[in-house]
Amino acid sequence: HSGISDHVACQISSMISTDQGRSWGEHRVLQPNRWKQNVKHPNLI
């Protein structure tokens, strides 16, 4: 569906794997969208 442009609402979500990426656990929203459009581009250091 075409309604998925860069302006569409977005949040930063996360999952954790304990078996080297073969399975992933519970879905969690790491950074909710608090802006008028969206939030993206996660960087972890």
All heavy atoms as atom14 arrays in JSON, in Angstrom:
{
  "sequence": "HSGISDHVACQISSMISTDQGRSWGEHRVLQPNRWKQNVKHPNLI",
  "atom14_mask": [
    [1, 1, 1, 1, 1, 1, 1, 1, 1, 1, 0, 0, 0, 0],
    [1, 1, 1, 1, 1, 1, 0, 0, 0, 0, 0, 0, 0, 0],
    [1, 1, 1, 1, 0, 0, 0, 0, 0, 0, 0, 0, 0, 0],
    [1, 1, 1, 1, 1, 1, 1, 1, 0, 0, 0, 0, 0, 0],
    [1, 1, 1, 1, 1, 1, 0, 0, 0, 0, 0, 0, 0, 0],
    [1, 1, 1, 1, 1, 1, 1, 1, 0, 0, 0, 0, 0, 0],
    [1, 1, 1, 1, 1, 1, 1, 1, 1, 1, 0, 0, 0, 0],
    [1, 1, 1, 1, 1, 1, 1, 0, 0, 0, 0, 0, 0, 0],
    [1, 1, 1, 1, 1, 0, 0, 0, 0, 0, 0, 0, 0, 0],
    [1, 1, 1, 1, 1, 1, 0, 0, 0, 0, 0, 0, 0, 0],
    [1, 1, 1, 1, 1, 1, 1, 1, 1, 0, 0, 0, 0, 0],
    [1, 1, 1, 1, 1, 1, 1, 1, 0, 0, 0, 0, 0, 0],
    [1, 1, 1, 1, 1, 1, 0, 0, 0, 0, 0, 0, 0, 0],
    [1, 1, 1, 1, 1, 1, 0, 0, 0, 0, 0, 0, 0, 0],
    [1, 1, 1, 1, 1, 1, 1, 1, 0, 0, 0, 0, 0, 0],
    [1, 1, 1, 1, 1, 1, 1, 1, 0, 0, 0, 0, 0, 0],
    [1, 1, 1, 1, 1, 1, 0, 0, 0, 0, 0, 0, 0, 0],
    [1, 1, 1, 1, 1, 1, 1, 0, 0, 0, 0, 0, 0, 0],
    [1, 1, 1, 1, 1, 1, 1, 1, 0, 0, 0, 0, 0, 0],
    [1, 1, 1, 1, 1, 1, 1, 1, 1, 0, 0, 0, 0, 0],
    [1, 1, 1, 1, 0, 0, 0, 0, 0, 0, 0, 0, 0, 0],
    [1, 1, 1, 1, 1, 1, 1, 1, 1, 1, 1, 0, 0, 0],
    [1, 1, 1, 1, 1, 1, 0, 0, 0, 0, 0, 0, 0, 0],
    [1, 1, 1, 1, 1, 1, 1, 1, 1, 1, 1, 1, 1, 1],
    [1, 1, 1, 1, 0, 0, 0, 0, 0, 0, 0, 0, 0, 0],
    [1, 1, 1, 1, 1, 1, 1, 1, 1, 0, 0, 0, 0, 0],
    [1, 1, 1, 1, 1, 1, 1, 1, 1, 1, 0, 0, 0, 0],
    [1, 1, 1, 1, 1, 1, 1, 1, 1, 1, 1, 0, 0, 0],
    [1, 1, 1, 1, 1, 1, 1, 0, 0, 0, 0, 0, 0, 0],
    [1, 1, 1, 1, 1, 1, 1, 1, 0, 0, 0, 0, 0, 0],
    [1, 1, 1, 1, 1, 1, 1, 1, 1, 0, 0, 0, 0, 0],
    [1, 1, 1, 1, 1, 1, 1, 0, 0, 0, 0, 0, 0, 0],
    [1, 1, 1, 1, 1, 1, 1, 1, 0, 0, 0, 0, 0, 0],
    [1, 1, 1, 1, 1, 1, 1, 1, 1, 1, 1, 0, 0, 0],
    [1, 1, 1, 1, 1, 1, 1, 1, 1, 1, 1, 1, 1, 1],
    [1, 1, 1, 1, 1, 1, 1, 1, 1, 0, 0, 0, 0, 0],
    [1, 1, 1, 1, 1, 1, 1, 1, 1, 0, 0, 0, 0, 0],
    [1, 1, 1, 1, 1, 1, 1, 1, 0, 0, 0, 0, 0, 0],
    [1, 1, 1, 1, 1, 1, 1, 0, 0, 0, 0, 0, 0, 0],
    [1, 1, 1, 1, 1, 1, 1, 1, 1, 0, 0, 0, 0, 0],
    [1, 1, 1, 1, 1, 1, 1, 1, 1, 1, 0, 0, 0, 0],
    [1, 1, 1, 1, 1, 1, 1, 0, 0, 0, 0, 0, 0, 0],
    [1, 1, 1, 1, 1, 1, 1, 1, 0, 0, 0, 0, 0, 0],
    [1, 1, 1, 1, 1, 1, 1, 1, 0, 0, 0, 0, 0, 0],
    [1, 1, 1, 1, 1, 1, 1, 1, 0, 0, 0, 0, 0, 0]
  ],
  "atom14_positions": [
    [[0.84, -1.19, 0.0], [0.0, 0.0, 0.0], [0.88, 1.24, 0.0], [1.87, 1.33, 0.7], [-0.91, 0.0, 1.23], [-1.83, 1.19, 1.3], [-2.78, 1.43, 0.35], [-1.91, 2.19, 2.21], [-3.43, 2.54, 0.68], [-2.92, 3.03, 1.8], [0.0, 0.0, 0.0], [0.0, 0.0, 0.0], [0.0, 0.0, 0.0], [0.0, 0.0, 0.0]],
    [[0.51, 2.25, -0.78], [1.37, 3.41, -1.01], [1.44, 4.36, 0.18], [2.28, 5.24, 0.22], [0.89, 4.17, -2.24], [-0.45, 4.61, -2.07], [0.0, 0.0, 0.0], [0.0, 0.0, 0.0], [0.0, 0.0, 0.0], [0.0, 0.0, 0.0], [0.0, 0.0, 0.0], [0.0, 0.0, 0.0], [0.0, 0.0, 0.0], [0.0, 0.0, 0.0]],
    [[0.56, 4.23, 1.15], [0.55, 5.17, 2.24], [1.6, 4.9, 3.29], [1.32, 4.89, 4.49], [0.0, 0.0, 0.0], [0.0, 0.0, 0.0], [0.0, 0.0, 0.0], [0.0, 0.0, 0.0], [0.0, 0.0, 0.0], [0.0, 0.0, 0.0], [0.0, 0.0, 0.0], [0.0, 0.0, 0.0], [0.0, 0.0, 0.0], [0.0, 0.0, 0.0]],
    [[2.83, 4.66, 2.91], [3.9, 4.35, 3.87], [5.12, 5.2, 3.56], [6.24, 4.73, 3.59], [4.27, 2.85, 3.85], [4.54, 2.38, 2.42], [3.17, 2.01, 4.48], [5.05, 0.96, 2.35], [0.0, 0.0, 0.0], [0.0, 0.0, 0.0], [0.0, 0.0, 0.0], [0.0, 0.0, 0.0], [0.0, 0.0, 0.0], [0.0, 0.0, 0.0]],
    [[4.92, 6.47, 3.29], [6.02, 7.37, 2.97], [6.79, 7.71, 4.25], [6.44, 7.28, 5.36], [5.48, 8.65, 2.34], [4.75, 9.4, 3.29], [0.0, 0.0, 0.0], [0.0, 0.0, 0.0], [0.0, 0.0, 0.0], [0.0, 0.0, 0.0], [0.0, 0.0, 0.0], [0.0, 0.0, 0.0], [0.0, 0.0, 0.0], [0.0, 0.0, 0.0]],
    [[7.84, 8.52, 4.11], [8.66, 8.9, 5.25], [7.88, 9.72, 6.27], [8.31, 9.85, 7.42], [9.86, 9.71, 4.78], [10.89, 8.85, 4.07], [10.77, 7.61, 4.14], [11.8, 9.4, 3.44], [0.0, 0.0, 0.0], [0.0, 0.0, 0.0], [0.0, 0.0, 0.0], [0.0, 0.0, 0.0], [0.0, 0.0, 0.0], [0.0, 0.0, 0.0]],
    [[6.74, 10.29, 5.86], [5.97, 11.14, 6.77], [5.03, 10.35, 7.67], [4.44, 10.9, 8.59], [5.15, 12.15, 5.97], [5.97, 13.06, 5.12], [6.54, 12.65, 3.93], [6.33, 14.35, 5.29], [7.22, 13.66, 3.41], [7.1, 14.7, 4.21], [0.0, 0.0, 0.0], [0.0, 0.0, 0.0], [0.0, 0.0, 0.0], [0.0, 0.0, 0.0]],
    [[4.88, 9.06, 7.4], [3.94, 8.25, 8.18], [4.44, 8.12, 9.63], [5.64, 8.12, 9.89], [3.78, 6.86, 7.53], [3.01, 5.92, 8.43], [3.07, 7.0, 6.2], [0.0, 0.0, 0.0], [0.0, 0.0, 0.0], [0.0, 0.0, 0.0], [0.0, 0.0, 0.0], [0.0, 0.0, 0.0], [0.0, 0.0, 0.0], [0.0, 0.0, 0.0]],
    [[3.5, 8.02, 10.57], [3.86, 7.89, 11.98], [4.79, 6.7, 12.2], [4.62, 5.63, 11.59], [2.6, 7.74, 12.83], [0.0, 0.0, 0.0], [0.0, 0.0, 0.0], [0.0, 0.0, 0.0], [0.0, 0.0, 0.0], [0.0, 0.0, 0.0], [0.0, 0.0, 0.0], [0.0, 0.0, 0.0], [0.0, 0.0, 0.0], [0.0, 0.0, 0.0]],
    [[5.78, 6.89, 13.06], [6.78, 5.85, 13.27], [7.28, 5.92, 14.7], [7.32, 7.0, 15.31], [7.94, 6.04, 12.29], [9.27, 4.84, 12.45], [0.0, 0.0, 0.0], [0.0, 0.0, 0.0], [0.0, 0.0, 0.0], [0.0, 0.0, 0.0], [0.0, 0.0, 0.0], [0.0, 0.0, 0.0], [0.0, 0.0, 0.0], [0.0, 0.0, 0.0]],
    [[7.63, 4.77, 15.24], [8.22, 4.68, 16.57], [9.46, 3.79, 16.48], [9.66, 3.09, 15.49], [7.22, 4.08, 17.56], [6.76, 2.68, 17.19], [5.52, 2.23, 17.91], [4.86, 3.01, 18.57], [5.19, 0.95, 17.8], [0.0, 0.0, 0.0], [0.0, 0.0, 0.0], [0.0, 0.0, 0.0], [0.0, 0.0, 0.0], [0.0, 0.0, 0.0]],
    [[10.29, 3.8, 17.5], [11.46, 2.93, 17.52], [11.16, 1.76, 18.45], [10.92, 1.95, 19.65], [12.71, 3.68, 17.98], [13.03, 4.8, 16.99], [13.9, 2.73, 18.11], [14.2, 5.66, 17.39], [0.0, 0.0, 0.0], [0.0, 0.0, 0.0], [0.0, 0.0, 0.0], [0.0, 0.0, 0.0], [0.0, 0.0, 0.0], [0.0, 0.0, 0.0]],
    [[11.14, 0.57, 17.9], [10.79, -0.63, 18.65], [12.0, -1.52, 18.83], [13.05, -1.32, 18.21], [9.66, -1.39, 17.94], [8.48, -0.6, 17.9], [0.0, 0.0, 0.0], [0.0, 0.0, 0.0], [0.0, 0.0, 0.0], [0.0, 0.0, 0.0], [0.0, 0.0, 0.0], [0.0, 0.0, 0.0], [0.0, 0.0, 0.0], [0.0, 0.0, 0.0]],
    [[11.85, -2.55, 19.67], [12.99, -3.41, 19.98], [12.53, -4.82, 20.33], [11.39, -5.04, 20.73], [13.81, -2.83, 21.13], [13.06, -2.86, 22.34], [0.0, 0.0, 0.0], [0.0, 0.0, 0.0], [0.0, 0.0, 0.0], [0.0, 0.0, 0.0], [0.0, 0.0, 0.0], [0.0, 0.0, 0.0], [0.0, 0.0, 0.0], [0.0, 0.0, 0.0]],
    [[13.46, -5.77, 20.18], [13.3, -7.15, 20.62], [14.66, -7.66, 21.07], [15.7, -7.15, 20.63], [12.78, -8.06, 19.5], [11.39, -7.78, 19.01], [10.92, -8.96, 17.71], [9.32, -8.33, 17.22], [0.0, 0.0, 0.0], [0.0, 0.0, 0.0], [0.0, 0.0, 0.0], [0.0, 0.0, 0.0], [0.0, 0.0, 0.0], [0.0, 0.0, 0.0]],
    [[14.67, -8.66, 21.92], [15.92, -9.23, 22.42], [15.99, -10.7, 22.03], [15.0, -11.44, 22.14], [16.03, -9.08, 23.94], [16.21, -7.61, 24.31], [17.2, -9.9, 24.5], [16.3, -7.35, 25.81], [0.0, 0.0, 0.0], [0.0, 0.0, 0.0], [0.0, 0.0, 0.0], [0.0, 0.0, 0.0], [0.0, 0.0, 0.0], [0.0, 0.0, 0.0]],
    [[17.16, -11.13, 21.57], [17.42, -12.54, 21.26], [18.42, -13.09, 22.26], [19.41, -12.42, 22.6], [17.97, -12.69, 19.84], [18.36, -14.03, 19.6], [0.0, 0.0, 0.0], [0.0, 0.0, 0.0], [0.0, 0.0, 0.0], [0.0, 0.0, 0.0], [0.0, 0.0, 0.0], [0.0, 0.0, 0.0], [0.0, 0.0, 0.0], [0.0, 0.0, 0.0]],
    [[18.18, -14.31, 22.73], [19.11, -14.97, 23.66], [19.76, -16.2, 23.02], [20.44, -16.96, 23.71], [18.37, -15.4, 24.94], [17.28, -16.25, 24.61], [17.84, -14.17, 25.69], [0.0, 0.0, 0.0], [0.0, 0.0, 0.0], [0.0, 0.0, 0.0], [0.0, 0.0, 0.0], [0.0, 0.0, 0.0], [0.0, 0.0, 0.0], [0.0, 0.0, 0.0]],
    [[19.52, -16.39, 21.71], [20.07, -17.58, 21.02], [20.75, -17.19, 19.7], [20.56, -17.84, 18.69], [18.99, -18.63, 20.79], [17.79, -18.07, 20.02], [17.85, -16.9, 19.56], [16.79, -18.8, 19.87], [0.0, 0.0, 0.0], [0.0, 0.0, 0.0], [0.0, 0.0, 0.0], [0.0, 0.0, 0.0], [0.0, 0.0, 0.0], [0.0, 0.0, 0.0]],
    [[21.5, -16.1, 19.74], [22.28, -15.65, 18.59], [21.4, -15.32, 17.39], [21.79, -15.55, 16.24], [23.33, -16.71, 18.2], [24.33, -16.99, 19.31], [25.38, -17.99, 18.91], [25.18, -18.79, 18.01], [26.52, -17.96, 19.6], [0.0, 0.0, 0.0], [0.0, 0.0, 0.0], [0.0, 0.0, 0.0], [0.0, 0.0, 0.0], [0.0, 0.0, 0.0]],
    [[20.24, -14.75, 17.63], [19.39, -14.26, 16.55], [18.47, -15.28, 15.92], [17.78, -14.96, 14.94], [0.0, 0.0, 0.0], [0.0, 0.0, 0.0], [0.0, 0.0, 0.0], [0.0, 0.0, 0.0], [0.0, 0.0, 0.0], [0.0, 0.0, 0.0], [0.0, 0.0, 0.0], [0.0, 0.0, 0.0], [0.0, 0.0, 0.0], [0.0, 0.0, 0.0]],
    [[18.4, -16.49, 16.46], [17.51, -17.5, 15.87], [16.05, -17.28, 16.27], [15.14, -17.7, 15.56], [17.97, -18.9, 16.27], [19.26, -19.32, 15.57], [19.77, -20.66, 16.09], [20.9, -21.14, 15.3], [22.15, -20.73, 15.45], [22.42, -19.81, 16.36], [23.12, -21.21, 14.69], [0.0, 0.0, 0.0], [0.0, 0.0, 0.0], [0.0, 0.0, 0.0]],
    [[15.83, -16.61, 17.38], [14.47, -16.25, 17.81], [14.55, -14.94, 18.56], [15.61, -14.57, 19.1], [13.85, -17.35, 18.68], [14.58, -17.5, 19.88], [0.0, 0.0, 0.0], [0.0, 0.0, 0.0], [0.0, 0.0, 0.0], [0.0, 0.0, 0.0], [0.0, 0.0, 0.0], [0.0, 0.0, 0.0], [0.0, 0.0, 0.0], [0.0, 0.0, 0.0]],
    [[13.41, -14.26, 18.61], [13.37, -12.95, 19.24], [12.21, -12.88, 20.23], [11.13, -13.4, 19.97], [13.25, -11.86, 18.17], [14.44, -11.82, 17.28], [14.63, -12.52, 16.13], [15.65, -11.09, 17.49], [15.87, -12.26, 15.6], [16.52, -11.39, 16.41], [16.09, -10.2, 18.49], [17.8, -10.83, 16.31], [17.36, -9.64, 18.38], [18.2, -9.96, 17.3]],
    [[12.45, -12.21, 21.34], [11.48, -12.18, 22.42], [10.41, -11.12, 22.26], [10.07, -10.7, 21.14], [0.0, 0.0, 0.0], [0.0, 0.0, 0.0], [0.0, 0.0, 0.0], [0.0, 0.0, 0.0], [0.0, 0.0, 0.0], [0.0, 0.0, 0.0], [0.0, 0.0, 0.0], [0.0, 0.0, 0.0], [0.0, 0.0, 0.0], [0.0, 0.0, 0.0]],
    [[9.92, -10.65, 23.37], [8.77, -9.75, 23.41], [9.06, -8.41, 22.72], [10.14, -7.84, 22.87], [8.38, -9.49, 24.87], [7.16, -8.6, 25.04], [6.83, -8.38, 26.51], [7.54, -8.96, 27.36], [5.88, -7.63, 26.79], [0.0, 0.0, 0.0], [0.0, 0.0, 0.0], [0.0, 0.0, 0.0], [0.0, 0.0, 0.0], [0.0, 0.0, 0.0]],
    [[8.07, -7.97, 21.96], [8.14, -6.67, 21.29], [8.03, -5.55, 22.34], [7.17, -5.59, 23.21], [7.02, -6.57, 20.26], [6.88, -5.21, 19.64], [6.23, -4.16, 20.26], [7.29, -4.74, 18.44], [6.25, -3.11, 19.47], [6.89, -3.43, 18.37], [0.0, 0.0, 0.0], [0.0, 0.0, 0.0], [0.0, 0.0, 0.0], [0.0, 0.0, 0.0]],
    [[8.9, -4.55, 22.23], [8.89, -3.43, 23.16], [9.12, -2.13, 22.4], [9.98, -2.07, 21.51], [9.98, -3.61, 24.21], [10.17, -2.42, 25.16], [11.41, -2.62, 26.01], [11.69, -1.46, 26.86], [12.83, -1.28, 27.52], [13.8, -2.19, 27.42], [13.02, -0.2, 28.26], [0.0, 0.0, 0.0], [0.0, 0.0, 0.0], [0.0, 0.0, 0.0]],
    [[8.35, -1.09, 22.71], [8.58, 0.23, 22.11], [9.66, 0.93, 22.92], [9.47, 1.29, 24.08], [7.28, 1.08, 22.1], [7.57, 2.46, 21.53], [6.21, 0.39, 21.28], [0.0, 0.0, 0.0], [0.0, 0.0, 0.0], [0.0, 0.0, 0.0], [0.0, 0.0, 0.0], [0.0, 0.0, 0.0], [0.0, 0.0, 0.0], [0.0, 0.0, 0.0]],
    [[10.83, 1.08, 22.3], [11.97, 1.67, 22.99], [11.84, 3.19, 23.06], [12.2, 3.81, 24.07], [13.26, 1.27, 22.29], [14.57, 1.61, 23.0], [14.64, 0.94, 24.35], [15.76, 1.21, 22.13], [0.0, 0.0, 0.0], [0.0, 0.0, 0.0], [0.0, 0.0, 0.0], [0.0, 0.0, 0.0], [0.0, 0.0, 0.0], [0.0, 0.0, 0.0]],
    [[11.36, 3.81, 21.95], [11.15, 5.25, 21.94], [9.8, 5.56, 21.3], [9.64, 5.44, 20.1], [12.26, 5.96, 21.17], [12.07, 7.47, 21.06], [11.89, 8.13, 22.43], [12.69, 7.92, 23.34], [10.84, 8.91, 22.59], [0.0, 0.0, 0.0], [0.0, 0.0, 0.0], [0.0, 0.0, 0.0], [0.0, 0.0, 0.0], [0.0, 0.0, 0.0]],
    [[8.8, 5.96, 22.1], [7.49, 6.31, 21.54], [7.6, 7.57, 20.67], [8.53, 8.36, 20.8], [6.63, 6.57, 22.78], [7.38, 5.98, 23.93], [8.83, 6.04, 23.57], [0.0, 0.0, 0.0], [0.0, 0.0, 0.0], [0.0, 0.0, 0.0], [0.0, 0.0, 0.0], [0.0, 0.0, 0.0], [0.0, 0.0, 0.0], [0.0, 0.0, 0.0]],
    [[6.61, 7.75, 19.83], [6.55, 8.92, 18.97], [5.93, 10.09, 19.73], [4.72, 10.11, 19.98], [5.73, 8.61, 17.72], [5.66, 9.79, 16.77], [6.41, 10.75, 16.91], [4.77, 9.71, 15.81], [0.0, 0.0, 0.0], [0.0, 0.0, 0.0], [0.0, 0.0, 0.0], [0.0, 0.0, 0.0], [0.0, 0.0, 0.0], [0.0, 0.0, 0.0]],
    [[6.74, 11.06, 20.09], [6.26, 12.24, 20.8], [6.24, 13.47, 19.9], [6.07, 14.59, 20.37], [7.16, 12.53, 22.01], [7.19, 11.4, 23.04], [8.16, 11.72, 24.16], [8.18, 10.66, 25.16], [9.02, 10.65, 26.2], [9.89, 11.64, 26.36], [8.99, 9.65, 27.07], [0.0, 0.0, 0.0], [0.0, 0.0, 0.0], [0.0, 0.0, 0.0]],
    [[6.43, 13.27, 18.6], [6.54, 14.37, 17.67], [5.3, 14.44, 16.77], [4.5, 13.51, 16.74], [7.82, 14.23, 16.85], [9.04, 14.41, 17.7], [9.78, 15.54, 17.86], [9.67, 13.42, 18.53], [10.82, 15.33, 18.73], [10.77, 14.04, 19.16], [9.4, 12.09, 18.81], [11.59, 13.38, 20.05], [10.22, 11.41, 19.7], [11.31, 12.05, 20.31]],
    [[5.19, 15.51, 16.02], [4.02, 15.7, 15.17], [4.0, 14.7, 14.02], [2.93, 14.37, 13.5], [4.0, 17.13, 14.62], [3.8, 18.18, 15.7], [3.83, 19.58, 15.12], [3.65, 20.63, 16.21], [3.72, 22.0, 15.64], [0.0, 0.0, 0.0], [0.0, 0.0, 0.0], [0.0, 0.0, 0.0], [0.0, 0.0, 0.0], [0.0, 0.0, 0.0]],
    [[5.18, 14.22, 13.59], [5.22, 13.22, 12.51], [5.76, 11.89, 13.0], [5.02, 10.94, 13.13], [6.01, 13.77, 11.32], [5.29, 14.91, 10.63], [5.88, 15.27, 9.3], [6.91, 14.78, 8.87], [5.21, 16.17, 8.6], [0.0, 0.0, 0.0], [0.0, 0.0, 0.0], [0.0, 0.0, 0.0], [0.0, 0.0, 0.0], [0.0, 0.0, 0.0]],
    [[7.05, 11.79, 13.29], [7.57, 10.49, 13.72], [8.94, 10.61, 14.38], [9.51, 11.7, 14.49], [7.62, 9.51, 12.54], [8.44, 10.05, 11.38], [9.49, 10.64, 11.57], [7.95, 9.84, 10.17], [0.0, 0.0, 0.0], [0.0, 0.0, 0.0], [0.0, 0.0, 0.0], [0.0, 0.0, 0.0], [0.0, 0.0, 0.0], [0.0, 0.0, 0.0]],
    [[9.46, 9.46, 14.79], [10.81, 9.36, 15.34], [11.47, 8.13, 14.71], [10.84, 7.08, 14.56], [10.8, 9.26, 16.88], [9.97, 8.08, 17.36], [12.22, 9.16, 17.43], [0.0, 0.0, 0.0], [0.0, 0.0, 0.0], [0.0, 0.0, 0.0], [0.0, 0.0, 0.0], [0.0, 0.0, 0.0], [0.0, 0.0, 0.0], [0.0, 0.0, 0.0]],
    [[12.73, 8.26, 14.32], [13.42, 7.15, 13.64], [14.93, 7.33, 13.77], [15.42, 8.14, 14.53], [13.01, 7.08, 12.17], [13.28, 8.36, 11.39], [12.87, 8.23, 9.94], [11.37, 8.25, 9.77], [10.96, 8.23, 8.33], [0.0, 0.0, 0.0], [0.0, 0.0, 0.0], [0.0, 0.0, 0.0], [0.0, 0.0, 0.0], [0.0, 0.0, 0.0]],
    [[15.69, 6.51, 13.03], [17.15, 6.55, 12.96], [17.81, 6.23, 14.31], [18.56, 7.04, 14.87], [17.64, 7.92, 12.47], [17.09, 8.33, 11.16], [17.07, 9.63, 10.73], [16.49, 7.61, 10.18], [16.5, 9.71, 9.55], [16.15, 8.48, 9.19], [0.0, 0.0, 0.0], [0.0, 0.0, 0.0], [0.0, 0.0, 0.0], [0.0, 0.0, 0.0]],
    [[17.59, 5.04, 14.87], [18.22, 4.69, 16.15], [19.72, 4.44, 16.02], [20.18, 3.84, 15.05], [17.49, 3.41, 16.55], [17.08, 2.79, 15.25], [16.75, 3.95, 14.35], [0.0, 0.0, 0.0], [0.0, 0.0, 0.0], [0.0, 0.0, 0.0], [0.0, 0.0, 0.0], [0.0, 0.0, 0.0], [0.0, 0.0, 0.0], [0.0, 0.0, 0.0]],
    [[20.48, 4.94, 16.99], [21.9, 4.68, 17.09], [22.23, 4.35, 18.54], [21.92, 5.14, 19.44], [22.72, 5.88, 16.63], [22.92, 5.91, 15.13], [23.84, 5.28, 14.6], [22.06, 6.63, 14.43], [0.0, 0.0, 0.0], [0.0, 0.0, 0.0], [0.0, 0.0, 0.0], [0.0, 0.0, 0.0], [0.0, 0.0, 0.0], [0.0, 0.0, 0.0]],
    [[22.86, 3.2, 18.76], [23.26, 2.78, 20.1], [24.78, 2.68, 20.16], [25.42, 2.1, 19.28], [22.65, 1.42, 20.44], [21.11, 1.4, 20.57], [20.61, -0.03, 20.59], [20.68, 2.12, 21.83], [0.0, 0.0, 0.0], [0.0, 0.0, 0.0], [0.0, 0.0, 0.0], [0.0, 0.0, 0.0], [0.0, 0.0, 0.0], [0.0, 0.0, 0.0]],
    [[25.36, 3.26, 21.21], [26.81, 3.25, 21.41], [27.11, 2.86, 22.85], [26.53, 3.43, 23.79], [27.42, 4.64, 21.11], [27.4, 4.92, 19.62], [28.85, 4.72, 21.62], [28.36, 4.09, 18.79], [0.0, 0.0, 0.0], [0.0, 0.0, 0.0], [0.0, 0.0, 0.0], [0.0, 0.0, 0.0], [0.0, 0.0, 0.0], [0.0, 0.0, 0.0]]
  ]
}
